[in-house]
Amino acid sequence: MPMTLTRITVNRSHRQARADLANRPAMHKTLMRLLAHPTGPTPRKTGGLLFRLEPGLDPVLLVQTADTPNLTGLPGGYGSTDSRDLTPMLTALTPGRPVRYRITAAPTAYRSTGAPPDPLTGRRPRSKITTLHGQDAQTWWQRQAATAGLRLCEPAEAFRRSFPSPERPAPFYKLTQFDGTATITDPDLLATALREGIGKGKAYGAGLLTLAPV
């Protein structure tokens, strides 16, 4: 299955673009318009839509899609775009190859609430999804990377990226960016992770893994 990565340099003076930068559900809704043929009960997943915001004076959106994106779906003046086919990158994945990676992810785990069992049923309350920080987040990423066919060369640089949404606050809006170098151990697992993304919150700017040669 082909994949395309589109770089959108966001126009801050555009009204919709400014609104999207402040609201992840709105940004997701806008980027869904890039899918040429959204189908099925989970069109984001079917269309392979993953995205990441690279903050800065000129914010950049990296948007991955399973097919060539429908760039005319973006509002006029939203930003300048540049797309490239990721097939050469996928075919170059080989065991032992060193790469530099970046991912903005939502490290989470289910943790006990600490509440006592129900006095009538004896059942304990369901565990609550919790955002991980610090070393817990690093450990989460180490596990995810290994499952994705990467062996980390050193602890990742981690940067907190908080993107709360006024519409639906939730743990997976608290994102962490991981940067570092790794060695490919399993190209097939890595290709799957690149296509499908890693972790939760993929519809809200988490999970897109990008690679570059060292």
N, C-alpha and C. Protein backbone atom coordinates (compact mmCIF):
# COMPACT_ATOMS: atom_id res chain seq x y z
N MET A 1 0.85 -1.20 0.00
CA MET A 1 0.00 0.00 0.00
C MET A 1 0.89 1.25 0.00
N PRO A 2 0.66 2.18 -0.92
CA PRO A 2 1.48 3.40 -0.96
C PRO A 2 1.17 4.31 0.22
N MET A 3 2.10 5.21 0.51
CA MET A 3 1.89 6.23 1.53
C MET A 3 2.45 7.54 1.02
N THR A 4 1.81 8.64 1.42
CA THR A 4 2.26 9.96 1.03
C THR A 4 2.41 10.82 2.28
N LEU A 5 3.47 11.60 2.35
CA LEU A 5 3.66 12.55 3.43
C LEU A 5 3.55 13.95 2.85
N THR A 6 2.66 14.74 3.41
CA THR A 6 2.43 16.10 2.95
C THR A 6 2.86 17.08 4.02
N ARG A 7 3.66 18.04 3.63
CA ARG A 7 4.12 19.10 4.53
C ARG A 7 3.27 20.34 4.27
N ILE A 8 2.57 20.81 5.28
CA ILE A 8 1.73 22.00 5.15
C ILE A 8 2.31 23.09 6.04
N THR A 9 2.82 24.15 5.44
CA THR A 9 3.26 25.32 6.20
C THR A 9 2.02 26.18 6.45
N VAL A 10 1.57 26.20 7.69
CA VAL A 10 0.28 26.79 8.03
C VAL A 10 0.34 28.31 7.94
N ASN A 11 -0.68 28.89 7.34
CA ASN A 11 -0.82 30.33 7.22
C ASN A 11 -1.55 30.86 8.46
N ARG A 12 -0.79 31.47 9.38
CA ARG A 12 -1.38 31.94 10.63
C ARG A 12 -2.44 33.02 10.43
N SER A 13 -2.38 33.72 9.30
CA SER A 13 -3.37 34.78 9.07
C SER A 13 -4.71 34.23 8.57
N HIS A 14 -4.75 32.91 8.27
CA HIS A 14 -5.99 32.29 7.80
C HIS A 14 -6.87 31.96 9.01
N ARG A 15 -8.12 32.37 8.97
CA ARG A 15 -9.00 32.22 10.12
C ARG A 15 -9.17 30.77 10.54
N GLN A 16 -9.45 29.88 9.61
CA GLN A 16 -9.65 28.47 9.94
C GLN A 16 -8.37 27.83 10.45
N ALA A 17 -7.24 28.23 9.86
CA ALA A 17 -5.96 27.68 10.30
C ALA A 17 -5.67 28.07 11.75
N ARG A 18 -5.92 29.32 12.10
CA ARG A 18 -5.72 29.77 13.48
C ARG A 18 -6.61 28.99 14.43
N ALA A 19 -7.86 28.78 14.04
CA ALA A 19 -8.79 28.02 14.88
C ALA A 19 -8.32 26.59 15.06
N ASP A 20 -7.81 25.98 13.99
CA ASP A 20 -7.34 24.60 14.06
C ASP A 20 -6.12 24.46 14.97
N LEU A 21 -5.24 25.45 14.96
CA LEU A 21 -4.04 25.39 15.79
C LEU A 21 -4.39 25.39 17.27
N ALA A 22 -5.57 25.90 17.61
CA ALA A 22 -5.99 25.96 19.01
C ALA A 22 -6.94 24.84 19.40
N ASN A 23 -7.31 23.98 18.43
CA ASN A 23 -8.34 22.98 18.71
C ASN A 23 -8.09 21.74 17.87
N ARG A 24 -7.60 20.67 18.52
CA ARG A 24 -7.26 19.47 17.78
C ARG A 24 -8.43 18.79 17.08
N PRO A 25 -9.60 18.66 17.69
CA PRO A 25 -10.72 18.07 16.95
C PRO A 25 -11.04 18.84 15.67
N ALA A 26 -10.95 20.16 15.72
CA ALA A 26 -11.20 20.96 14.52
C ALA A 26 -10.12 20.71 13.47
N MET A 27 -8.86 20.61 13.91
CA MET A 27 -7.77 20.33 12.98
C MET A 27 -7.96 18.97 12.31
N HIS A 28 -8.33 17.97 13.12
CA HIS A 28 -8.58 16.64 12.58
C HIS A 28 -9.68 16.68 11.52
N LYS A 29 -10.74 17.42 11.80
CA LYS A 29 -11.86 17.53 10.86
C LYS A 29 -11.40 18.15 9.54
N THR A 30 -10.56 19.19 9.63
CA THR A 30 -10.05 19.82 8.42
C THR A 30 -9.17 18.85 7.62
N LEU A 31 -8.28 18.15 8.31
CA LEU A 31 -7.34 17.26 7.61
C LEU A 31 -8.03 16.04 7.03
N MET A 32 -9.16 15.64 7.59
CA MET A 32 -9.92 14.54 7.00
C MET A 32 -10.35 14.85 5.57
N ARG A 33 -10.42 16.12 5.24
CA ARG A 33 -10.81 16.53 3.88
C ARG A 33 -9.73 16.20 2.86
N LEU A 34 -8.54 15.84 3.34
CA LEU A 34 -7.47 15.44 2.42
C LEU A 34 -7.65 14.03 1.88
N LEU A 35 -8.47 13.23 2.56
CA LEU A 35 -8.66 11.86 2.11
C LEU A 35 -9.48 11.84 0.83
N ALA A 36 -8.90 11.22 -0.19
CA ALA A 36 -9.57 11.20 -1.50
C ALA A 36 -10.83 10.36 -1.47
N HIS A 37 -10.80 9.23 -0.73
CA HIS A 37 -11.94 8.32 -0.70
C HIS A 37 -12.20 7.83 0.72
N PRO A 38 -12.68 8.71 1.61
CA PRO A 38 -12.97 8.26 2.99
C PRO A 38 -14.13 7.27 3.01
N THR A 39 -13.87 6.06 3.52
CA THR A 39 -14.90 5.03 3.50
C THR A 39 -14.90 4.26 4.81
N GLY A 40 -15.99 3.52 5.03
CA GLY A 40 -16.09 2.62 6.16
C GLY A 40 -16.42 3.30 7.47
N PRO A 41 -16.58 2.51 8.52
CA PRO A 41 -16.93 3.06 9.83
C PRO A 41 -15.77 3.81 10.48
N THR A 42 -14.53 3.56 10.04
CA THR A 42 -13.36 4.25 10.60
C THR A 42 -12.56 4.87 9.44
N PRO A 43 -13.08 5.94 8.84
CA PRO A 43 -12.44 6.49 7.65
C PRO A 43 -11.02 7.01 7.89
N ARG A 44 -10.72 7.51 9.10
CA ARG A 44 -9.36 7.97 9.37
C ARG A 44 -8.38 6.80 9.24
N LYS A 45 -8.74 5.68 9.88
CA LYS A 45 -7.88 4.50 9.84
C LYS A 45 -7.80 3.94 8.42
N THR A 46 -8.94 3.85 7.75
CA THR A 46 -8.96 3.33 6.38
C THR A 46 -8.11 4.19 5.46
N GLY A 47 -8.19 5.50 5.63
CA GLY A 47 -7.43 6.42 4.79
C GLY A 47 -5.99 6.61 5.23
N GLY A 48 -5.61 5.98 6.36
CA GLY A 48 -4.22 6.08 6.82
C GLY A 48 -3.82 7.47 7.27
N LEU A 49 -4.78 8.26 7.75
CA LEU A 49 -4.48 9.63 8.13
C LEU A 49 -3.80 9.69 9.50
N LEU A 50 -2.59 10.21 9.52
CA LEU A 50 -1.85 10.52 10.74
C LEU A 50 -1.26 11.91 10.55
N PHE A 51 -1.13 12.66 11.64
CA PHE A 51 -0.54 13.98 11.48
C PHE A 51 0.22 14.39 12.73
N ARG A 52 1.13 15.35 12.54
CA ARG A 52 1.90 15.90 13.65
C ARG A 52 2.13 17.38 13.41
N LEU A 53 1.98 18.17 14.45
CA LEU A 53 2.24 19.60 14.35
C LEU A 53 3.66 19.87 14.81
N GLU A 54 4.45 20.50 13.94
CA GLU A 54 5.78 20.96 14.28
C GLU A 54 5.66 22.44 14.63
N PRO A 55 5.67 22.79 15.94
CA PRO A 55 5.43 24.18 16.33
C PRO A 55 6.59 25.08 15.96
N GLY A 56 6.31 26.39 15.90
CA GLY A 56 7.33 27.38 15.57
C GLY A 56 6.67 28.65 15.08
N LEU A 57 7.49 29.60 14.67
CA LEU A 57 6.94 30.86 14.15
C LEU A 57 6.07 30.58 12.93
N ASP A 58 6.50 29.63 12.12
CA ASP A 58 5.71 29.18 10.97
C ASP A 58 5.36 27.71 11.21
N PRO A 59 4.24 27.44 11.87
CA PRO A 59 3.89 26.04 12.21
C PRO A 59 3.79 25.19 10.96
N VAL A 60 4.26 23.95 11.08
CA VAL A 60 4.22 23.01 9.97
C VAL A 60 3.43 21.79 10.39
N LEU A 61 2.50 21.38 9.55
CA LEU A 61 1.76 20.14 9.75
C LEU A 61 2.36 19.07 8.84
N LEU A 62 2.74 17.94 9.41
CA LEU A 62 3.12 16.78 8.63
C LEU A 62 1.92 15.85 8.62
N VAL A 63 1.44 15.54 7.43
CA VAL A 63 0.20 14.76 7.29
C VAL A 63 0.49 13.55 6.41
N GLN A 64 0.27 12.36 6.96
CA GLN A 64 0.48 11.12 6.22
C GLN A 64 -0.86 10.53 5.81
N THR A 65 -0.96 10.09 4.57
CA THR A 65 -2.17 9.47 4.06
C THR A 65 -1.79 8.22 3.28
N ALA A 66 -2.74 7.28 3.20
CA ALA A 66 -2.48 6.03 2.49
C ALA A 66 -2.41 6.23 0.99
N ASP A 67 -3.12 7.24 0.49
CA ASP A 67 -3.13 7.53 -0.94
C ASP A 67 -2.69 8.97 -1.17
N THR A 68 -2.57 9.35 -2.43
CA THR A 68 -2.26 10.74 -2.76
C THR A 68 -3.36 11.63 -2.20
N PRO A 69 -3.02 12.65 -1.41
CA PRO A 69 -4.04 13.47 -0.76
C PRO A 69 -4.78 14.36 -1.74
N ASN A 70 -6.01 14.66 -1.39
CA ASN A 70 -6.82 15.59 -2.17
C ASN A 70 -6.57 17.00 -1.62
N LEU A 71 -5.53 17.65 -2.12
CA LEU A 71 -5.13 18.94 -1.58
C LEU A 71 -6.17 20.03 -1.82
N THR A 72 -7.04 19.83 -2.80
CA THR A 72 -8.11 20.80 -3.03
C THR A 72 -9.14 20.77 -1.91
N GLY A 73 -9.07 19.75 -1.04
CA GLY A 73 -9.99 19.68 0.08
C GLY A 73 -9.68 20.69 1.17
N LEU A 74 -8.43 21.18 1.20
CA LEU A 74 -8.08 22.19 2.20
C LEU A 74 -8.74 23.52 1.86
N PRO A 75 -9.12 24.30 2.88
CA PRO A 75 -9.64 25.64 2.61
C PRO A 75 -8.62 26.47 1.85
N GLY A 76 -9.07 27.29 0.94
CA GLY A 76 -8.17 28.15 0.18
C GLY A 76 -7.37 29.05 1.09
N GLY A 77 -6.04 29.10 0.87
CA GLY A 77 -5.18 29.96 1.67
C GLY A 77 -4.78 29.38 3.00
N TYR A 78 -5.13 28.11 3.27
CA TYR A 78 -4.84 27.49 4.56
C TYR A 78 -3.34 27.38 4.81
N GLY A 79 -2.59 27.13 3.73
CA GLY A 79 -1.14 27.03 3.86
C GLY A 79 -0.53 26.49 2.58
N SER A 80 0.78 26.58 2.47
CA SER A 80 1.48 26.03 1.31
C SER A 80 1.75 24.55 1.55
N THR A 81 1.71 23.75 0.48
CA THR A 81 1.82 22.31 0.62
C THR A 81 2.91 21.73 -0.27
N ASP A 82 3.47 20.62 0.20
CA ASP A 82 4.45 19.87 -0.58
C ASP A 82 4.30 18.40 -0.20
N SER A 83 4.07 17.54 -1.19
CA SER A 83 3.83 16.12 -0.94
C SER A 83 4.93 15.27 -1.54
N ARG A 84 5.22 14.14 -0.86
CA ARG A 84 6.19 13.20 -1.43
C ARG A 84 5.76 11.77 -1.15
N ASP A 85 6.06 10.91 -2.09
CA ASP A 85 5.76 9.49 -1.98
C ASP A 85 6.74 8.84 -1.01
N LEU A 86 6.25 8.06 -0.07
CA LEU A 86 7.10 7.42 0.93
C LEU A 86 7.55 6.01 0.53
N THR A 87 7.18 5.57 -0.67
CA THR A 87 7.56 4.23 -1.10
C THR A 87 9.07 4.00 -1.08
N PRO A 88 9.90 4.95 -1.58
CA PRO A 88 11.35 4.73 -1.52
C PRO A 88 11.85 4.55 -0.08
N MET A 89 11.26 5.29 0.86
CA MET A 89 11.67 5.15 2.25
C MET A 89 11.31 3.77 2.79
N LEU A 90 10.12 3.29 2.46
CA LEU A 90 9.68 1.97 2.94
C LEU A 90 10.55 0.86 2.37
N THR A 91 10.92 0.95 1.10
CA THR A 91 11.72 -0.10 0.48
C THR A 91 13.16 -0.08 0.98
N ALA A 92 13.58 1.03 1.59
CA ALA A 92 14.95 1.15 2.08
C ALA A 92 15.10 0.64 3.52
N LEU A 93 14.02 0.19 4.14
CA LEU A 93 14.09 -0.31 5.51
C LEU A 93 14.79 -1.67 5.51
N THR A 94 15.95 -1.74 6.15
CA THR A 94 16.71 -2.99 6.20
C THR A 94 17.24 -3.21 7.62
N PRO A 95 17.35 -4.47 8.04
CA PRO A 95 17.87 -4.76 9.39
C PRO A 95 19.27 -4.17 9.59
N GLY A 96 19.48 -3.59 10.76
CA GLY A 96 20.78 -3.04 11.09
C GLY A 96 21.00 -1.61 10.62
N ARG A 97 20.06 -1.05 9.87
CA ARG A 97 20.25 0.31 9.37
C ARG A 97 19.98 1.32 10.48
N PRO A 98 20.90 2.28 10.69
CA PRO A 98 20.65 3.31 11.70
C PRO A 98 19.75 4.41 11.13
N VAL A 99 18.87 4.94 11.96
CA VAL A 99 17.95 5.99 11.54
C VAL A 99 17.79 6.99 12.68
N ARG A 100 17.41 8.18 12.31
CA ARG A 100 16.97 9.17 13.30
C ARG A 100 15.45 9.21 13.25
N TYR A 101 14.82 9.26 14.41
CA TYR A 101 13.36 9.20 14.45
C TYR A 101 12.80 10.40 15.21
N ARG A 102 11.53 10.65 14.95
CA ARG A 102 10.74 11.60 15.75
C ARG A 102 9.32 11.10 15.80
N ILE A 103 8.72 11.20 16.97
CA ILE A 103 7.30 10.87 17.13
C ILE A 103 6.73 11.74 18.24
N THR A 104 5.57 12.28 18.02
CA THR A 104 4.80 12.91 19.08
C THR A 104 3.70 11.92 19.44
N ALA A 105 3.76 11.43 20.67
CA ALA A 105 2.89 10.32 21.06
C ALA A 105 2.13 10.67 22.34
N ALA A 106 1.19 9.79 22.69
CA ALA A 106 0.39 9.94 23.90
C ALA A 106 0.70 8.77 24.82
N PRO A 107 1.77 8.85 25.62
CA PRO A 107 2.10 7.74 26.53
C PRO A 107 1.02 7.60 27.60
N THR A 108 0.37 6.46 27.64
CA THR A 108 -0.71 6.24 28.60
C THR A 108 -0.65 4.83 29.15
N ALA A 109 -1.32 4.63 30.27
CA ALA A 109 -1.46 3.31 30.86
C ALA A 109 -2.74 3.29 31.68
N TYR A 110 -3.29 2.09 31.86
CA TYR A 110 -4.46 1.94 32.72
C TYR A 110 -3.97 1.72 34.15
N ARG A 111 -4.42 2.58 35.04
CA ARG A 111 -4.00 2.52 36.44
C ARG A 111 -5.22 2.41 37.34
N SER A 112 -5.02 1.72 38.46
CA SER A 112 -6.10 1.58 39.43
C SER A 112 -6.47 2.95 40.01
N THR A 113 -7.76 3.16 40.23
CA THR A 113 -8.22 4.41 40.83
C THR A 113 -7.99 4.44 42.33
N GLY A 114 -7.74 3.28 42.93
CA GLY A 114 -7.55 3.21 44.38
C GLY A 114 -8.85 3.19 45.16
N ALA A 115 -9.98 3.21 44.45
CA ALA A 115 -11.27 3.19 45.12
C ALA A 115 -11.57 1.79 45.65
N PRO A 116 -12.29 1.69 46.76
CA PRO A 116 -12.61 0.37 47.33
C PRO A 116 -13.60 -0.40 46.47
N PRO A 117 -13.69 -1.71 46.64
CA PRO A 117 -14.66 -2.51 45.88
C PRO A 117 -16.09 -2.09 46.21
N ASP A 118 -16.98 -2.34 45.27
CA ASP A 118 -18.40 -2.08 45.50
C ASP A 118 -18.90 -2.97 46.65
N PRO A 119 -19.54 -2.38 47.65
CA PRO A 119 -19.96 -3.19 48.81
C PRO A 119 -21.00 -4.25 48.48
N LEU A 120 -21.74 -4.06 47.39
CA LEU A 120 -22.77 -5.03 47.02
C LEU A 120 -22.24 -6.14 46.13
N THR A 121 -21.42 -5.78 45.14
CA THR A 121 -20.95 -6.78 44.17
C THR A 121 -19.54 -7.27 44.47
N GLY A 122 -18.79 -6.51 45.25
CA GLY A 122 -17.41 -6.87 45.52
C GLY A 122 -16.47 -6.56 44.38
N ARG A 123 -16.97 -5.94 43.32
CA ARG A 123 -16.14 -5.63 42.17
C ARG A 123 -15.38 -4.32 42.39
N ARG A 124 -14.16 -4.31 41.92
CA ARG A 124 -13.37 -3.10 42.00
C ARG A 124 -13.69 -2.19 40.81
N PRO A 125 -13.62 -0.88 40.98
CA PRO A 125 -13.86 0.03 39.85
C PRO A 125 -12.88 -0.22 38.71
N ARG A 126 -13.32 0.03 37.52
CA ARG A 126 -12.45 -0.16 36.35
C ARG A 126 -11.24 0.76 36.44
N SER A 127 -10.12 0.30 35.93
CA SER A 127 -8.91 1.13 35.91
C SER A 127 -9.13 2.35 35.03
N LYS A 128 -8.40 3.40 35.30
CA LYS A 128 -8.54 4.67 34.59
C LYS A 128 -7.33 4.89 33.71
N ILE A 129 -7.57 5.37 32.48
CA ILE A 129 -6.45 5.67 31.60
C ILE A 129 -5.73 6.91 32.13
N THR A 130 -4.39 6.81 32.22
CA THR A 130 -3.59 7.84 32.84
C THR A 130 -2.44 8.24 31.93
N THR A 131 -2.18 9.55 31.83
CA THR A 131 -1.04 10.03 31.06
C THR A 131 0.25 9.75 31.81
N LEU A 132 1.27 9.26 31.10
CA LEU A 132 2.55 8.96 31.70
C LEU A 132 3.52 10.12 31.50
N HIS A 133 4.38 10.33 32.50
CA HIS A 133 5.35 11.43 32.45
C HIS A 133 6.73 10.90 32.79
N GLY A 134 7.75 11.70 32.51
CA GLY A 134 9.10 11.40 32.96
C GLY A 134 9.59 10.02 32.55
N GLN A 135 10.16 9.29 33.51
CA GLN A 135 10.73 7.99 33.23
C GLN A 135 9.67 6.99 32.80
N ASP A 136 8.44 7.12 33.33
CA ASP A 136 7.36 6.23 32.90
C ASP A 136 7.08 6.40 31.42
N ALA A 137 7.11 7.64 30.94
CA ALA A 137 6.90 7.90 29.51
C ALA A 137 8.05 7.33 28.69
N GLN A 138 9.28 7.49 29.19
CA GLN A 138 10.44 6.95 28.48
C GLN A 138 10.35 5.43 28.37
N THR A 139 9.96 4.78 29.48
CA THR A 139 9.82 3.33 29.47
C THR A 139 8.74 2.90 28.50
N TRP A 140 7.64 3.64 28.47
CA TRP A 140 6.56 3.36 27.50
C TRP A 140 7.10 3.41 26.08
N TRP A 141 7.87 4.45 25.75
CA TRP A 141 8.38 4.59 24.39
C TRP A 141 9.38 3.48 24.06
N GLN A 142 10.21 3.09 25.03
CA GLN A 142 11.15 2.00 24.78
C GLN A 142 10.41 0.71 24.40
N ARG A 143 9.31 0.42 25.09
CA ARG A 143 8.52 -0.77 24.76
C ARG A 143 7.89 -0.64 23.39
N GLN A 144 7.32 0.52 23.11
CA GLN A 144 6.66 0.73 21.82
C GLN A 144 7.66 0.63 20.67
N ALA A 145 8.84 1.21 20.86
CA ALA A 145 9.86 1.18 19.81
C ALA A 145 10.29 -0.26 19.52
N ALA A 146 10.49 -1.04 20.57
CA ALA A 146 10.89 -2.44 20.38
C ALA A 146 9.82 -3.21 19.62
N THR A 147 8.56 -2.97 19.96
CA THR A 147 7.45 -3.63 19.27
C THR A 147 7.36 -3.18 17.82
N ALA A 148 7.83 -1.97 17.55
CA ALA A 148 7.77 -1.42 16.20
C ALA A 148 9.00 -1.76 15.37
N GLY A 149 9.89 -2.61 15.88
CA GLY A 149 11.04 -3.01 15.09
C GLY A 149 12.21 -2.06 15.15
N LEU A 150 12.33 -1.32 16.27
CA LEU A 150 13.45 -0.40 16.45
C LEU A 150 14.18 -0.71 17.76
N ARG A 151 15.50 -0.62 17.75
CA ARG A 151 16.30 -0.70 18.96
C ARG A 151 16.89 0.68 19.20
N LEU A 152 16.48 1.33 20.28
CA LEU A 152 16.94 2.68 20.57
C LEU A 152 18.42 2.66 20.90
N CYS A 153 19.15 3.64 20.38
CA CYS A 153 20.59 3.71 20.61
C CYS A 153 20.92 4.41 21.92
N GLU A 154 20.01 5.25 22.41
CA GLU A 154 20.20 5.95 23.67
C GLU A 154 18.83 6.42 24.13
N PRO A 155 18.70 6.85 25.39
CA PRO A 155 17.40 7.38 25.83
C PRO A 155 16.96 8.54 24.93
N ALA A 156 15.69 8.56 24.60
CA ALA A 156 15.18 9.60 23.71
C ALA A 156 15.13 10.94 24.41
N GLU A 157 15.33 12.01 23.62
CA GLU A 157 15.02 13.35 24.12
C GLU A 157 13.51 13.47 24.14
N ALA A 158 12.97 13.94 25.23
CA ALA A 158 11.51 14.01 25.37
C ALA A 158 11.09 15.44 25.67
N PHE A 159 10.06 15.91 24.97
CA PHE A 159 9.53 17.25 25.17
C PHE A 159 8.02 17.15 25.33
N ARG A 160 7.49 17.73 26.40
CA ARG A 160 6.05 17.73 26.59
C ARG A 160 5.39 18.67 25.60
N ARG A 161 4.32 18.22 24.98
CA ARG A 161 3.52 19.04 24.06
C ARG A 161 2.08 18.95 24.52
N SER A 162 1.59 19.97 25.22
CA SER A 162 0.23 19.91 25.74
C SER A 162 -0.71 20.61 24.77
N PHE A 163 -1.73 19.90 24.32
CA PHE A 163 -2.71 20.46 23.40
C PHE A 163 -4.11 20.20 23.94
N PRO A 164 -4.52 20.92 25.00
CA PRO A 164 -5.87 20.69 25.53
C PRO A 164 -6.92 21.15 24.55
N SER A 165 -8.06 20.50 24.57
CA SER A 165 -9.17 20.88 23.70
C SER A 165 -10.33 21.37 24.55
N PRO A 166 -10.87 22.55 24.26
CA PRO A 166 -12.00 23.04 25.03
C PRO A 166 -13.24 22.19 24.84
N GLU A 167 -13.27 21.41 23.75
CA GLU A 167 -14.47 20.62 23.47
C GLU A 167 -14.47 19.28 24.20
N ARG A 168 -13.30 18.66 24.31
CA ARG A 168 -13.24 17.31 24.86
C ARG A 168 -11.90 17.07 25.54
N PRO A 169 -11.68 17.64 26.73
CA PRO A 169 -10.41 17.39 27.39
C PRO A 169 -10.27 15.91 27.72
N ALA A 170 -9.09 15.37 27.51
CA ALA A 170 -8.86 13.94 27.75
C ALA A 170 -7.37 13.70 27.91
N PRO A 171 -6.98 12.60 28.55
CA PRO A 171 -5.56 12.36 28.78
C PRO A 171 -4.72 12.35 27.52
N PHE A 172 -5.28 11.83 26.41
CA PHE A 172 -4.43 11.66 25.25
C PHE A 172 -4.16 12.97 24.51
N TYR A 173 -4.68 14.09 25.00
CA TYR A 173 -4.30 15.37 24.41
C TYR A 173 -2.97 15.87 24.99
N LYS A 174 -2.49 15.23 26.05
CA LYS A 174 -1.22 15.61 26.65
C LYS A 174 -0.14 14.76 25.98
N LEU A 175 0.54 15.36 25.02
CA LEU A 175 1.45 14.61 24.17
C LEU A 175 2.90 14.83 24.56
N THR A 176 3.75 13.88 24.20
CA THR A 176 5.19 13.98 24.42
C THR A 176 5.90 13.70 23.11
N GLN A 177 6.83 14.56 22.76
CA GLN A 177 7.64 14.35 21.56
C GLN A 177 8.93 13.62 21.93
N PHE A 178 9.21 12.54 21.21
CA PHE A 178 10.44 11.77 21.42
C PHE A 178 11.32 11.90 20.19
N ASP A 179 12.59 12.23 20.41
CA ASP A 179 13.58 12.33 19.33
C ASP A 179 14.79 11.50 19.70
N GLY A 180 15.41 10.88 18.70
CA GLY A 180 16.63 10.13 18.97
C GLY A 180 17.08 9.33 17.77
N THR A 181 18.02 8.42 18.01
CA THR A 181 18.50 7.54 16.96
C THR A 181 18.22 6.09 17.36
N ALA A 182 18.09 5.25 16.36
CA ALA A 182 17.77 3.84 16.61
C ALA A 182 18.32 3.00 15.47
N THR A 183 18.29 1.71 15.67
CA THR A 183 18.70 0.74 14.64
C THR A 183 17.49 -0.11 14.29
N ILE A 184 17.27 -0.33 13.01
CA ILE A 184 16.14 -1.14 12.57
C ILE A 184 16.42 -2.61 12.88
N THR A 185 15.48 -3.26 13.55
CA THR A 185 15.61 -4.69 13.86
C THR A 185 14.66 -5.55 13.03
N ASP A 186 13.49 -5.00 12.69
CA ASP A 186 12.49 -5.76 11.93
C ASP A 186 11.79 -4.82 10.96
N PRO A 187 12.18 -4.82 9.69
CA PRO A 187 11.57 -3.91 8.71
C PRO A 187 10.06 -4.08 8.56
N ASP A 188 9.55 -5.31 8.67
CA ASP A 188 8.12 -5.52 8.51
C ASP A 188 7.32 -4.88 9.65
N LEU A 189 7.79 -5.10 10.88
CA LEU A 189 7.13 -4.46 12.02
C LEU A 189 7.21 -2.95 11.92
N LEU A 190 8.34 -2.44 11.48
CA LEU A 190 8.53 -1.00 11.36
C LEU A 190 7.62 -0.41 10.29
N ALA A 191 7.50 -1.10 9.16
CA ALA A 191 6.61 -0.61 8.10
C ALA A 191 5.17 -0.54 8.59
N THR A 192 4.74 -1.54 9.38
CA THR A 192 3.39 -1.52 9.93
C THR A 192 3.21 -0.36 10.89
N ALA A 193 4.20 -0.11 11.75
CA ALA A 193 4.12 1.01 12.69
C ALA A 193 4.07 2.35 11.96
N LEU A 194 4.82 2.45 10.89
CA LEU A 194 4.81 3.69 10.11
C LEU A 194 3.44 3.92 9.46
N ARG A 195 2.83 2.85 8.96
CA ARG A 195 1.54 2.98 8.30
C ARG A 195 0.41 3.26 9.29
N GLU A 196 0.43 2.54 10.42
CA GLU A 196 -0.71 2.57 11.33
C GLU A 196 -0.56 3.56 12.48
N GLY A 197 0.66 4.03 12.73
CA GLY A 197 0.88 4.91 13.86
C GLY A 197 1.07 4.12 15.14
N ILE A 198 1.46 4.82 16.21
CA ILE A 198 1.78 4.18 17.47
C ILE A 198 1.02 4.85 18.62
N GLY A 199 0.40 4.02 19.44
CA GLY A 199 -0.26 4.54 20.64
C GLY A 199 -1.64 5.09 20.39
N LYS A 200 -2.15 5.78 21.40
CA LYS A 200 -3.50 6.35 21.34
C LYS A 200 -3.47 7.76 20.77
N GLY A 201 -4.67 8.32 20.57
CA GLY A 201 -4.80 9.72 20.16
C GLY A 201 -4.39 10.01 18.74
N LYS A 202 -4.45 9.02 17.86
CA LYS A 202 -4.00 9.23 16.48
C LYS A 202 -4.84 10.27 15.75
N ALA A 203 -6.10 10.39 16.13
CA ALA A 203 -6.97 11.38 15.47
C ALA A 203 -6.69 12.79 15.96
N TYR A 204 -5.80 12.93 16.92
CA TYR A 204 -5.57 14.24 17.51
C TYR A 204 -4.10 14.64 17.50
N GLY A 205 -3.37 14.13 16.52
CA GLY A 205 -1.99 14.58 16.35
C GLY A 205 -0.95 13.72 17.01
N ALA A 206 -1.31 12.52 17.44
CA ALA A 206 -0.34 11.60 18.07
C ALA A 206 -0.11 10.40 17.17
N GLY A 207 1.08 9.79 17.31
CA GLY A 207 1.31 8.48 16.70
C GLY A 207 2.08 8.47 15.40
N LEU A 208 2.29 9.62 14.75
CA LEU A 208 3.00 9.64 13.47
C LEU A 208 4.51 9.52 13.72
N LEU A 209 5.09 8.42 13.26
CA LEU A 209 6.52 8.19 13.36
C LEU A 209 7.19 8.56 12.06
N THR A 210 8.20 9.39 12.12
CA THR A 210 8.97 9.75 10.92
C THR A 210 10.42 9.37 11.11
N LEU A 211 11.07 9.00 10.00
CA LEU A 211 12.46 8.55 10.03
C LEU A 211 13.31 9.38 9.07
N ALA A 212 14.58 9.47 9.38
CA ALA A 212 15.55 10.12 8.47
C ALA A 212 16.85 9.34 8.57
N PRO A 213 17.63 9.30 7.49
CA PRO A 213 18.91 8.59 7.55
C PRO A 213 19.87 9.30 8.49
N VAL A 214 20.74 8.53 9.12
CA VAL A 214 21.75 9.11 10.02
C VAL A 214 22.97 9.52 9.21
